[in-house]
Amino acid sequence: MSSTRAHERLPPSAETALARAAGTVLPADACEHAARLLPRLHEVRAALDDAAWRWVAIACEAKGIAVDSPLAAEEFATGPCAVARSLACWERSLRAVRAGRLPRIPGRVREHPRGRLVPAMPFLPFDRVAFAGHRAAVLVDREGPLQALRDARRGVALVLGAGNVTSIPIADLLTKLCGERLPVVVKLHPLHAGLHELFASVFAPLAEFGCSFLCEGGELGAALALDPRVTDVHLTGSPATFRRLAEANAARAEPARLSAELGNVTPVIVVPGPWRDAELHARVDDVSAMLSNNGGFNCASAKVLVTAAAWPQRREFLARLRARLATLPARRAWHPGAVERAARFAGLAAREDGSLPCTLIEGVDPASTPLAFREEAFAPLLWETALPGDDVAGFAGRAARFCNERLAGDLAAVILAPRHAVRHERAALAGLRDALGYGTVAQNVWAALGFAWMTTPWGAWRNPAGGLAQSGRGFVHDPLLLRAPQKTLITGPVLPWPRPAWWPGHRAPLPVMRRLFELTQHPSAWRLLRLALAASVGGTPGR
């Protein structure tokens, strides 16, 4: 399709949105842009206060979830709560820019063999308490400055949103508007059609910056991406969709700048060694959450469990995990194509009510089952494969090579390690974190927090030696305005307390997410106390 034909096919609403965005001239000066934008972001946050529960209700209805059920906590966490954090992070960043400074780095920058480690979490007020024991740092290039403002330029950014998580298109919009200083047109996924009116209302203050939402179906996304007024396109979707987009973009007279987040066959590496009973129990819940959250329809969902064949507790760990998954309710397969993928990847049929259970497939040989390792199933399926040996150092090297060479994608990876390894095998664990070629590598915590925190760059690993990434191109989020991020390293406690609200079996996940939202929107010691009280009733990890 030529860009001219694409332009002629635009419906009136899309033509109006593009014309408004193309006609919007944002301040070339970063300080002025920040000064104009900050009051509007404050208005958005006020509107979000009023719309949060309606947002959750709409999202729950689309996925067949009762709005008063514990599963509704997922929609609160990945919808209004994540967006509240994104807004708060960008407000902090823009306040610094308005004053003529770069955002303050929350800690001491450390040297690293492959660059510099920049602290990025804790970031917001009370993060140190709300996410106790969790840390994140971004590995950036050694050469040049740590941070840099994006160059001002004319253009229009198009965000092609995913349909699985409701905060994704909003976080991408804020990245383009706040970080890259471009007007944005958001093309929502059809699964988010019910949120179109709400988004348009909540984010109406950003209309003066040329931002708007569209939700028509058909080929509108492809037509918008080929319009000559669009200079930047960001896609969250599948590799096949990105390939088609890139091929069409290359034929444009002036190709747009493309960025994308394309998913991942996410590995969860279980480090061998002596695991205490409480540690095994806790990490079983952790892996269960990584698989079951959002029905398994996350780009960072656990997909391949990597264990050590000679680890004495391997069978016990797998038996506990299998038993835990059996207690979880099967979720409706609401994402298009999920039932077909479950059958194609694992021969698993949906139940009569259209639901799919979380399924663990043990002892899989990658040579005999290549599909599961080379393509993201995007269904609640988890394959376990065992590598030789049980020594930590040797296993770490084999696991890194296996994940880097045999698994598709380079978005996110997880390492689970017992306290014994954390204390006595620090060099081996550090080597494993460094060797994994993923955009976010998390130890003893789900890598998806790197997305939900909104403080660290989220995207495929950028190899400083060059080479094409598999899980996309470029990063979103990044309110620290880091100049050349490579990857994010996250660490969490071996036994987190209180029990994470996203783990199955938490007794009050919805009140926790509501309190976390309120604390993010209106930070205060009183709201932190209310969050702590809600979180404390969730149960103890390892029990």
Protein backbone atom coordinates (compact mmCIF):
# COMPACT_ATOMS: atom_id res chain seq x y z
CA MET A 1 0.00 0.00 0.00
CA SER A 2 1.42 3.41 -0.91
CA SER A 3 1.38 6.24 1.58
CA THR A 4 -1.00 8.18 -0.68
CA ARG A 5 -3.49 5.33 -0.83
CA ALA A 6 -3.19 4.84 2.91
CA HIS A 7 -3.98 8.52 3.45
CA GLU A 8 -7.02 8.32 1.18
CA ARG A 9 -8.44 5.38 3.13
CA LEU A 10 -8.42 7.08 6.52
CA PRO A 11 -11.86 7.45 8.11
CA PRO A 12 -12.87 10.99 9.12
CA SER A 13 -12.01 10.48 12.79
CA ALA A 14 -8.51 9.32 11.93
CA GLU A 15 -7.97 12.14 9.45
CA THR A 16 -9.06 14.66 12.07
CA ALA A 17 -6.73 13.16 14.68
CA LEU A 18 -3.74 13.12 12.33
CA ALA A 19 -4.40 16.63 11.08
CA ARG A 20 -4.62 17.94 14.65
CA ALA A 21 -1.42 16.18 15.66
CA ALA A 22 0.46 17.28 12.55
CA GLY A 23 -0.68 20.86 13.08
CA THR A 24 0.45 20.94 16.71
CA VAL A 25 3.74 22.72 17.28
CA LEU A 26 5.29 21.75 20.60
CA PRO A 27 7.91 24.00 22.21
CA ALA A 28 11.40 23.36 20.90
CA ASP A 29 12.80 24.30 24.29
CA ALA A 30 12.64 21.39 26.74
CA CYS A 31 12.11 23.66 29.76
CA GLU A 32 9.16 25.37 28.13
CA HIS A 33 7.68 22.04 27.04
CA ALA A 34 7.92 20.72 30.60
CA ALA A 35 6.41 23.89 32.04
CA ARG A 36 3.40 23.65 29.72
CA LEU A 37 2.94 19.92 30.16
CA LEU A 38 3.14 19.61 33.95
CA PRO A 39 -0.21 21.34 34.75
CA ARG A 40 -1.95 19.13 32.18
CA LEU A 41 -0.48 15.97 33.70
CA HIS A 42 -1.78 17.12 37.07
CA GLU A 43 -5.26 17.43 35.53
CA VAL A 44 -4.95 13.93 34.11
CA ARG A 45 -4.07 12.54 37.52
CA ALA A 46 -7.14 14.22 39.03
CA ALA A 47 -9.34 12.69 36.32
CA LEU A 48 -7.74 9.30 36.92
CA ASP A 49 -8.84 9.43 40.57
CA ASP A 50 -12.46 9.55 39.44
CA ALA A 51 -12.16 7.04 36.60
CA ALA A 52 -10.02 4.28 38.14
CA TRP A 53 -12.81 1.98 39.28
CA ARG A 54 -14.75 2.39 36.04
CA TRP A 55 -11.55 1.53 34.15
CA VAL A 56 -11.19 -1.66 36.20
CA ALA A 57 -14.84 -2.59 35.75
CA ILE A 58 -14.63 -2.24 31.96
CA ALA A 59 -11.43 -4.28 31.78
CA CYS A 60 -12.88 -7.01 34.01
CA GLU A 61 -16.03 -7.27 31.92
CA ALA A 62 -13.97 -7.69 28.75
CA LYS A 63 -12.08 -10.63 30.31
CA GLY A 64 -15.00 -12.27 32.09
CA ILE A 65 -13.77 -11.36 35.60
CA ALA A 66 -16.07 -10.39 38.47
CA VAL A 67 -15.16 -6.87 39.52
CA ASP A 68 -15.25 -7.81 43.22
CA SER A 69 -13.09 -10.93 42.80
CA PRO A 70 -9.40 -11.19 43.72
CA LEU A 71 -8.57 -11.39 40.01
CA ALA A 72 -9.80 -7.81 39.61
CA ALA A 73 -6.63 -6.80 41.46
CA GLU A 74 -4.69 -7.68 38.32
CA GLU A 75 -6.67 -5.14 36.30
CA PHE A 76 -6.16 -2.49 38.98
CA ALA A 77 -2.43 -3.20 39.11
CA THR A 78 -1.80 -3.24 35.37
CA GLY A 79 -4.29 -0.51 34.54
CA PRO A 80 -4.86 2.57 36.74
CA CYS A 81 -2.07 1.77 39.21
CA ALA A 82 0.60 1.37 36.52
CA VAL A 83 -0.55 4.53 34.76
CA ALA A 84 -0.56 6.45 38.06
CA ARG A 85 3.08 5.43 38.52
CA SER A 86 3.92 6.46 34.96
CA LEU A 87 2.35 9.87 35.47
CA ALA A 88 4.12 10.34 38.82
CA CYS A 89 7.47 9.33 37.33
CA TRP A 90 7.15 11.69 34.39
CA GLU A 91 6.01 14.54 36.63
CA ARG A 92 9.15 14.10 38.72
CA SER A 93 11.27 14.01 35.58
CA LEU A 94 9.63 17.05 34.01
CA ARG A 95 9.92 19.12 37.18
CA ALA A 96 13.68 18.73 36.91
CA VAL A 97 13.67 19.59 33.21
CA ARG A 98 11.51 22.66 33.86
CA ALA A 99 14.19 23.85 36.28
CA GLY A 100 16.89 23.35 33.66
CA ARG A 101 18.22 20.09 35.10
CA LEU A 102 18.25 16.44 34.16
CA PRO A 103 16.25 14.11 36.42
CA ARG A 104 18.04 13.18 39.63
CA ILE A 105 19.45 9.67 39.72
CA PRO A 106 18.22 8.01 42.96
CA GLY A 107 21.53 6.61 44.17
CA ARG A 108 25.21 6.16 43.43
CA VAL A 109 26.29 5.20 39.91
CA ARG A 110 28.66 2.22 39.97
CA GLU A 111 31.18 0.97 37.47
CA HIS A 112 30.46 -2.32 35.73
CA PRO A 113 32.63 -4.42 33.40
CA ARG A 114 30.23 -3.67 30.53
CA GLY A 115 29.36 -0.07 31.34
CA ARG A 116 27.86 1.80 34.27
CA LEU A 117 25.06 0.78 36.61
CA VAL A 118 22.55 3.56 37.22
CA PRO A 119 20.13 3.12 40.18
CA ALA A 120 16.50 3.48 39.10
CA MET A 121 14.46 1.91 41.90
CA PRO A 122 13.38 2.97 44.57
CA PHE A 123 12.30 6.08 42.65
CA LEU A 124 9.05 7.60 43.95
CA PRO A 125 8.32 8.70 47.52
CA PHE A 126 7.80 5.68 49.78
CA ASP A 127 9.03 3.16 47.15
CA ARG A 128 11.71 2.07 49.60
CA VAL A 129 8.97 0.92 52.00
CA ALA A 130 6.22 -0.09 49.57
CA PHE A 131 8.67 -2.31 47.66
CA ALA A 132 10.98 -3.20 50.52
CA GLY A 133 14.01 -5.23 49.51
CA HIS A 134 13.59 -4.58 45.80
CA ARG A 135 16.22 -2.75 43.78
CA ALA A 136 16.71 -1.97 40.11
CA ALA A 137 19.66 -0.54 38.20
CA VAL A 138 20.11 0.13 34.50
CA LEU A 139 23.29 -0.85 32.69
CA VAL A 140 24.26 1.96 30.32
CA ASP A 141 27.20 2.57 28.02
CA ARG A 142 30.39 3.80 29.61
CA GLU A 143 31.14 6.38 26.91
CA GLY A 144 29.31 9.69 26.88
CA PRO A 145 26.91 11.26 29.38
CA LEU A 146 24.53 9.12 31.43
CA GLN A 147 21.45 11.16 30.55
CA ALA A 148 20.38 13.33 27.66
CA LEU A 149 17.31 15.24 26.54
CA ARG A 150 15.88 14.07 23.23
CA ASP A 151 16.42 16.51 20.39
CA ALA A 152 13.35 18.57 19.56
CA ARG A 153 11.86 17.80 16.14
CA ARG A 154 8.64 18.11 14.21
CA GLY A 155 6.55 15.04 13.61
CA VAL A 156 3.74 12.80 14.83
CA ALA A 157 4.14 9.61 16.85
CA LEU A 158 1.74 6.73 16.26
CA VAL A 159 1.27 4.21 19.08
CA LEU A 160 -0.19 0.87 18.02
CA GLY A 161 -1.36 -0.52 21.34
CA ALA A 162 -1.51 -4.13 22.47
CA GLY A 163 -4.77 -5.68 23.66
CA ASN A 164 -3.60 -7.70 26.66
CA VAL A 165 -2.72 -5.01 29.25
CA THR A 166 -4.68 -1.78 29.44
CA SER A 167 -1.81 0.45 30.61
CA ILE A 168 0.47 -0.35 27.67
CA PRO A 169 -0.85 2.22 25.16
CA ILE A 170 -1.02 4.93 27.84
CA ALA A 171 2.55 4.34 29.04
CA ASP A 172 3.73 4.42 25.43
CA LEU A 173 1.84 7.68 24.84
CA LEU A 174 3.50 9.28 27.86
CA THR A 175 6.93 8.09 26.71
CA LYS A 176 6.50 9.75 23.33
CA LEU A 177 4.92 12.95 24.64
CA CYS A 178 7.03 13.50 27.76
CA GLY A 179 10.31 11.91 26.79
CA GLU A 180 10.47 12.52 23.03
CA ARG A 181 8.30 15.66 22.90
CA LEU A 182 6.02 14.54 20.07
CA PRO A 183 2.23 14.73 19.63
CA VAL A 184 0.77 11.24 19.74
CA VAL A 185 -2.08 9.40 18.05
CA VAL A 186 -2.94 6.17 19.86
CA LYS A 187 -4.60 3.39 17.89
CA LEU A 188 -6.20 1.17 20.53
CA HIS A 189 -6.48 -2.58 20.08
CA PRO A 190 -10.08 -3.77 19.45
CA LEU A 191 -9.97 -5.58 22.81
CA HIS A 192 -9.78 -2.14 24.44
CA ALA A 193 -12.72 -0.68 22.54
CA GLY A 194 -14.71 -0.39 25.77
CA LEU A 195 -12.06 1.94 27.21
CA HIS A 196 -11.93 4.32 24.24
CA GLU A 197 -14.40 6.84 25.69
CA LEU A 198 -12.83 6.68 29.16
CA PHE A 199 -9.31 7.22 27.80
CA ALA A 200 -10.47 10.12 25.67
CA SER A 201 -12.04 11.72 28.74
CA VAL A 202 -9.25 11.13 31.27
CA PHE A 203 -6.50 12.24 28.89
CA ALA A 204 -8.46 15.11 27.35
CA PRO A 205 -6.02 17.66 28.91
CA LEU A 206 -3.36 16.33 26.53
CA ALA A 207 -5.41 17.25 23.46
CA GLU A 208 -3.72 20.65 23.32
CA PHE A 209 -0.48 18.73 22.70
CA GLY A 210 -2.03 16.94 19.73
CA CYS A 211 -2.77 13.67 21.53
CA SER A 212 -5.84 11.60 20.73
CA PHE A 213 -7.24 8.05 20.67
CA LEU A 214 -8.69 5.98 17.84
CA CYS A 215 -10.31 2.56 17.99
CA GLU A 216 -11.68 1.71 14.55
CA GLY A 217 -10.91 -1.83 13.43
CA GLY A 218 -9.83 -3.21 10.10
CA GLU A 219 -6.59 -1.99 8.56
CA LEU A 220 -6.59 1.41 10.24
CA GLY A 221 -3.31 0.78 12.07
CA ALA A 222 -1.49 -0.11 8.86
CA ALA A 223 -3.00 2.87 7.05
CA LEU A 224 -1.98 5.27 9.81
CA ALA A 225 1.56 3.87 9.88
CA LEU A 226 1.95 4.63 6.17
CA ASP A 227 0.61 8.16 6.33
CA PRO A 228 3.38 10.63 5.44
CA ARG A 229 2.53 12.81 8.45
CA VAL A 230 3.51 10.01 10.83
CA THR A 231 7.23 10.20 11.59
CA ASP A 232 7.47 7.71 14.49
CA VAL A 233 5.66 4.41 15.05
CA HIS A 234 5.74 2.30 18.19
CA LEU A 235 4.14 -1.16 18.11
CA THR A 236 3.44 -3.61 20.90
CA GLY A 237 2.54 -6.84 19.18
CA SER A 238 3.86 -9.91 17.42
CA PRO A 239 7.06 -10.32 15.37
CA ALA A 240 4.96 -11.13 12.30
CA THR A 241 3.06 -7.84 12.60
CA PHE A 242 6.31 -5.93 13.03
CA ARG A 243 7.86 -7.58 9.96
CA ARG A 244 4.90 -6.51 7.83
CA LEU A 245 5.10 -3.01 9.27
CA ALA A 246 8.84 -2.78 8.64
CA GLU A 247 8.50 -3.97 5.04
CA ALA A 248 5.77 -1.46 4.29
CA ASN A 249 7.66 1.31 6.07
CA ALA A 250 10.79 0.66 4.02
CA ALA A 251 8.80 1.42 0.88
CA ARG A 252 7.82 4.89 2.09
CA ALA A 253 9.48 7.87 0.48
CA GLU A 254 10.57 8.95 3.98
CA PRO A 255 10.41 5.94 6.31
CA ALA A 256 9.20 6.51 9.84
CA ARG A 257 11.33 5.71 12.87
CA LEU A 258 10.15 2.34 14.15
CA SER A 259 10.26 1.01 17.70
CA ALA A 260 8.54 -2.06 19.07
CA GLU A 261 8.07 -4.51 21.93
CA LEU A 262 7.39 -7.95 20.49
CA GLY A 263 7.17 -10.43 23.32
CA ASN A 264 9.41 -13.23 24.46
CA VAL A 265 9.76 -16.89 25.39
CA THR A 266 10.51 -15.92 28.97
CA PRO A 267 12.88 -18.22 30.86
CA VAL A 268 12.71 -18.83 34.60
CA ILE A 269 16.05 -20.24 35.72
CA VAL A 270 15.99 -22.21 39.00
CA VAL A 271 19.47 -22.18 40.53
CA PRO A 272 20.41 -25.51 42.18
CA GLY A 273 21.58 -25.82 45.75
CA PRO A 274 20.09 -26.41 49.17
CA TRP A 275 16.64 -24.81 49.23
CA ARG A 276 14.78 -24.47 52.51
CA ASP A 277 11.16 -25.58 52.62
CA ALA A 278 9.86 -22.01 52.91
CA GLU A 279 11.96 -20.95 49.91
CA LEU A 280 10.62 -23.77 47.73
CA HIS A 281 7.07 -22.96 48.76
CA ALA A 282 7.48 -19.25 48.07
CA ARG A 283 9.04 -19.71 44.64
CA VAL A 284 6.33 -22.14 43.64
CA ASP A 285 3.84 -19.33 44.28
CA ASP A 286 6.12 -16.93 42.42
CA VAL A 287 6.25 -19.11 39.28
CA SER A 288 2.52 -19.79 39.51
CA ALA A 289 1.89 -16.05 39.45
CA MET A 290 4.22 -15.56 36.48
CA LEU A 291 2.21 -18.14 34.54
CA SER A 292 -1.36 -17.45 35.65
CA ASN A 293 -1.42 -13.64 35.81
CA ASN A 294 -3.77 -12.16 33.21
CA GLY A 295 -4.66 -15.69 32.11
CA GLY A 296 -1.13 -16.20 30.79
CA PHE A 297 -1.43 -13.39 28.25
CA ASN A 298 1.63 -11.33 29.17
CA CYS A 299 4.82 -10.80 27.19
CA ALA A 300 6.78 -11.57 30.39
CA SER A 301 4.78 -14.66 31.38
CA ALA A 302 6.87 -17.63 32.45
CA LYS A 303 7.29 -19.91 29.44
CA VAL A 304 10.35 -22.13 29.98
CA LEU A 305 11.44 -23.37 33.39
CA VAL A 306 15.18 -24.14 33.30
CA THR A 307 16.35 -26.53 36.04
CA ALA A 308 19.46 -28.57 36.84
CA ALA A 309 18.98 -32.26 36.06
CA ALA A 310 21.04 -33.44 39.03
CA TRP A 311 19.56 -30.99 41.54
CA PRO A 312 18.32 -33.25 44.35
CA GLN A 313 15.19 -31.13 44.97
CA ARG A 314 14.14 -30.83 41.33
CA ARG A 315 11.38 -33.45 41.54
CA GLU A 316 10.06 -31.98 44.77
CA PHE A 317 9.97 -28.47 43.29
CA LEU A 318 8.13 -29.66 40.17
CA ALA A 319 5.66 -31.70 42.21
CA ARG A 320 4.87 -28.69 44.40
CA LEU A 321 4.48 -26.47 41.35
CA ARG A 322 2.20 -28.97 39.62
CA ALA A 323 0.05 -29.23 42.75
CA ARG A 324 -0.14 -25.45 43.14
CA LEU A 325 -1.20 -24.92 39.54
CA ALA A 326 -3.94 -27.51 39.99
CA THR A 327 -5.51 -25.31 42.67
CA LEU A 328 -5.78 -22.29 40.36
CA PRO A 329 -9.07 -21.78 38.50
CA ALA A 330 -8.92 -22.13 34.73
CA ARG A 331 -9.33 -18.70 33.15
CA ARG A 332 -11.41 -17.84 30.10
CA ALA A 333 -9.21 -17.78 26.99
CA TRP A 334 -10.23 -14.24 26.10
CA HIS A 335 -7.21 -13.40 23.94
CA PRO A 336 -7.77 -14.14 20.20
CA GLY A 337 -6.19 -17.38 19.02
CA ALA A 338 -5.33 -18.67 22.48
CA VAL A 339 -7.32 -21.90 22.16
CA GLU A 340 -5.74 -22.66 18.79
CA ARG A 341 -2.25 -21.94 20.15
CA ALA A 342 -2.79 -24.21 23.17
CA ALA A 343 -3.77 -27.03 20.84
CA ARG A 344 -0.91 -26.39 18.41
CA PHE A 345 1.80 -26.00 21.02
CA ALA A 346 0.76 -28.59 23.60
CA GLY A 347 -2.23 -30.54 22.29
CA LEU A 348 -4.28 -28.92 25.05
CA ALA A 349 -8.01 -28.45 24.46
CA ALA A 350 -10.06 -25.72 26.06
CA ARG A 351 -12.73 -26.73 28.53
CA GLU A 352 -16.42 -26.56 27.68
CA ASP A 353 -16.68 -23.06 29.11
CA GLY A 354 -13.82 -21.83 26.88
CA SER A 355 -11.25 -21.71 29.68
CA LEU A 356 -7.65 -22.90 29.68
CA PRO A 357 -5.93 -24.30 32.78
CA CYS A 358 -2.36 -23.42 33.70
CA THR A 359 -0.34 -26.37 32.45
CA LEU A 360 3.18 -27.53 33.34
CA ILE A 361 4.90 -29.81 30.83
CA GLU A 362 7.92 -31.47 32.43
CA GLY A 363 11.16 -32.90 31.09
CA VAL A 364 10.91 -31.42 27.62
CA ASP A 365 13.74 -31.91 25.12
CA PRO A 366 14.14 -28.72 23.03
CA ALA A 367 15.26 -30.80 20.05
CA SER A 368 12.00 -32.75 20.00
CA THR A 369 9.73 -29.82 20.85
CA PRO A 370 11.30 -26.84 19.09
CA LEU A 371 8.10 -24.84 18.68
CA ALA A 372 7.75 -24.17 22.40
CA PHE A 373 11.25 -22.72 22.54
CA ARG A 374 11.28 -20.77 19.29
CA GLU A 375 7.85 -19.10 19.37
CA GLU A 376 5.86 -17.43 22.13
CA ALA A 377 2.74 -19.48 22.83
CA PHE A 378 0.83 -16.61 24.49
CA ALA A 379 -1.24 -19.06 26.52
CA PRO A 380 -0.94 -20.43 30.09
CA LEU A 381 1.63 -23.09 29.15
CA LEU A 382 4.96 -23.68 30.89
CA TRP A 383 7.63 -26.08 29.65
CA GLU A 384 10.33 -27.43 31.97
CA THR A 385 13.70 -28.50 30.63
CA ALA A 386 16.66 -29.76 32.63
CA LEU A 387 20.31 -28.99 31.93
CA PRO A 388 23.21 -31.20 33.04
CA GLY A 389 24.85 -30.83 36.45
CA ASP A 390 23.97 -29.37 39.80
CA ASP A 391 26.90 -27.06 40.64
CA VAL A 392 25.92 -23.40 40.63
CA ALA A 393 28.82 -21.99 38.60
CA GLY A 394 28.65 -24.61 35.87
CA PHE A 395 24.86 -24.50 35.72
CA ALA A 396 24.87 -20.70 35.48
CA GLY A 397 27.07 -20.79 32.39
CA ARG A 398 25.01 -23.53 30.73
CA ALA A 399 21.74 -21.77 31.55
CA ALA A 400 22.91 -18.45 30.08
CA ARG A 401 24.06 -20.11 26.85
CA PHE A 402 20.84 -22.11 26.60
CA CYS A 403 18.59 -19.07 27.04
CA ASN A 404 20.62 -16.83 24.76
CA GLU A 405 20.97 -19.39 21.97
CA ARG A 406 17.92 -21.66 22.13
CA LEU A 407 15.05 -19.43 23.25
CA ALA A 408 13.31 -16.84 21.10
CA GLY A 409 13.26 -13.29 22.36
CA ASP A 410 15.42 -11.03 24.49
CA LEU A 411 12.87 -9.04 26.49
CA ALA A 412 12.88 -10.50 30.02
CA ALA A 413 14.36 -13.34 32.06
CA VAL A 414 14.03 -14.46 35.69
CA ILE A 415 16.54 -16.12 38.04
CA LEU A 416 15.32 -17.87 41.20
CA ALA A 417 18.04 -18.56 43.76
CA PRO A 418 17.99 -19.87 47.35
CA ARG A 419 19.50 -17.91 50.19
CA HIS A 420 22.51 -20.23 50.21
CA ALA A 421 23.37 -19.26 46.62
CA VAL A 422 22.66 -15.57 47.22
CA ARG A 423 25.13 -15.59 50.12
CA HIS A 424 27.81 -17.99 48.90
CA GLU A 425 27.62 -17.95 45.09
CA ARG A 426 27.53 -14.22 44.47
CA ALA A 427 30.07 -14.28 41.66
CA ALA A 428 28.22 -17.04 39.81
CA LEU A 429 24.87 -15.24 40.14
CA ALA A 430 26.36 -11.92 39.04
CA GLY A 431 27.92 -13.67 36.06
CA LEU A 432 24.56 -15.20 35.15
CA ARG A 433 22.76 -11.85 35.37
CA ASP A 434 25.43 -10.23 33.20
CA ALA A 435 25.55 -13.04 30.65
CA LEU A 436 21.81 -13.19 29.99
CA GLY A 437 21.06 -11.14 26.88
CA TYR A 438 17.68 -9.74 27.92
CA GLY A 439 16.34 -6.22 28.35
CA THR A 440 15.27 -6.96 31.93
CA VAL A 441 16.91 -9.62 34.10
CA ALA A 442 15.29 -10.13 37.49
CA GLN A 443 16.54 -12.20 40.41
CA ASN A 444 13.99 -13.51 42.93
CA VAL A 445 11.22 -11.34 41.57
CA TRP A 446 9.06 -11.39 38.46
CA ALA A 447 10.65 -9.39 35.64
CA ALA A 448 7.25 -7.86 34.85
CA LEU A 449 7.82 -5.46 37.74
CA GLY A 450 10.31 -3.77 35.42
CA PHE A 451 7.27 -2.86 33.32
CA ALA A 452 4.84 -2.07 36.14
CA TRP A 453 7.23 0.21 38.06
CA MET A 454 7.52 2.51 35.01
CA THR A 455 10.91 3.70 36.26
CA THR A 456 13.28 1.55 34.19
CA PRO A 457 13.58 1.27 30.41
CA TRP A 458 11.35 -1.52 29.09
CA GLY A 459 12.24 -3.24 25.86
CA ALA A 460 14.55 -5.72 24.19
CA TRP A 461 18.20 -6.02 25.17
CA ARG A 462 20.45 -3.58 23.34
CA ASN A 463 23.71 -5.37 22.66
CA PRO A 464 26.46 -2.70 22.63
CA ALA A 465 28.41 -4.93 20.24
CA GLY A 466 25.62 -4.59 17.69
CA GLY A 467 23.20 -7.12 16.24
CA LEU A 468 19.45 -7.19 15.81
CA ALA A 469 17.23 -7.63 18.85
CA GLN A 470 14.52 -10.29 18.68
CA SER A 471 11.94 -8.73 20.99
CA GLY A 472 11.74 -5.35 19.34
CA ARG A 473 13.63 -2.13 18.98
CA GLY A 474 14.16 0.71 21.45
CA PHE A 475 12.85 1.26 24.97
CA VAL A 476 9.74 2.86 26.47
CA HIS A 477 9.21 4.40 29.94
CA ASP A 478 12.65 5.63 31.15
CA PRO A 479 11.77 8.87 33.00
CA LEU A 480 15.47 9.18 33.96
CA LEU A 481 16.14 9.99 30.27
CA LEU A 482 19.11 7.65 30.12
CA ARG A 483 21.16 8.17 26.99
CA ALA A 484 22.19 4.63 26.07
CA PRO A 485 20.54 1.89 28.17
CA GLN A 486 21.48 -1.72 27.51
CA LYS A 487 19.48 -3.70 30.08
CA THR A 488 17.86 -3.48 33.51
CA LEU A 489 18.94 -5.62 36.48
CA ILE A 490 16.37 -6.18 39.24
CA THR A 491 16.85 -7.96 42.55
CA GLY A 492 14.26 -8.97 45.13
CA PRO A 493 14.36 -10.68 48.53
CA VAL A 494 14.53 -14.45 48.84
CA LEU A 495 11.45 -14.39 51.08
CA PRO A 496 9.56 -11.14 50.47
CA TRP A 497 7.39 -9.82 53.25
CA PRO A 498 4.58 -9.06 53.15
CA ARG A 499 3.37 -11.60 50.62
CA PRO A 500 3.29 -10.03 47.12
CA ALA A 501 -0.28 -9.18 46.16
CA TRP A 502 0.14 -10.71 42.70
CA TRP A 503 0.92 -14.18 44.14
CA PRO A 504 -1.98 -16.66 44.18
CA GLY A 505 -3.49 -17.20 47.59
CA HIS A 506 -3.06 -13.62 48.73
CA ARG A 507 -5.96 -12.85 51.05
CA ALA A 508 -6.61 -9.24 50.04
CA PRO A 509 -5.02 -8.36 46.69
CA LEU A 510 -7.65 -5.84 45.61
CA PRO A 511 -7.40 -3.65 48.76
CA VAL A 512 -3.60 -3.70 48.42
CA MET A 513 -3.71 -2.46 44.83
CA ARG A 514 -6.29 0.17 45.71
CA ARG A 515 -4.09 1.45 48.56
CA LEU A 516 -1.01 1.41 46.34
CA PHE A 517 -2.89 3.46 43.75
CA GLU A 518 -3.94 5.99 46.39
CA LEU A 519 -0.38 6.23 47.73
CA THR A 520 0.99 6.81 44.22
CA GLN A 521 -1.60 9.45 43.44
CA HIS A 522 -1.35 11.25 46.80
CA PRO A 523 1.84 10.28 48.68
CA SER A 524 1.61 10.58 52.45
CA ALA A 525 2.69 8.69 55.56
CA TRP A 526 -0.97 8.00 56.37
CA ARG A 527 -1.60 6.34 53.01
CA LEU A 528 1.62 4.35 53.35
CA LEU A 529 0.34 3.04 56.69
CA ARG A 530 -2.97 2.06 55.11
CA LEU A 531 -1.08 0.19 52.37
CA ALA A 532 1.04 -1.60 54.97
CA LEU A 533 -2.05 -2.66 56.92
CA ALA A 534 -3.75 -3.99 53.78
CA ALA A 535 -0.61 -5.83 52.68
CA SER A 536 0.01 -7.41 56.09
CA VAL A 537 -3.15 -9.53 55.90
CA GLY A 538 -2.05 -11.18 52.67
CA GLY A 539 -0.28 -14.09 54.31
CA THR A 540 3.33 -15.12 54.87
CA PRO A 541 5.52 -16.37 52.00
CA GLY A 542 6.48 -19.99 52.39
CA ARG A 543 3.26 -21.01 54.16
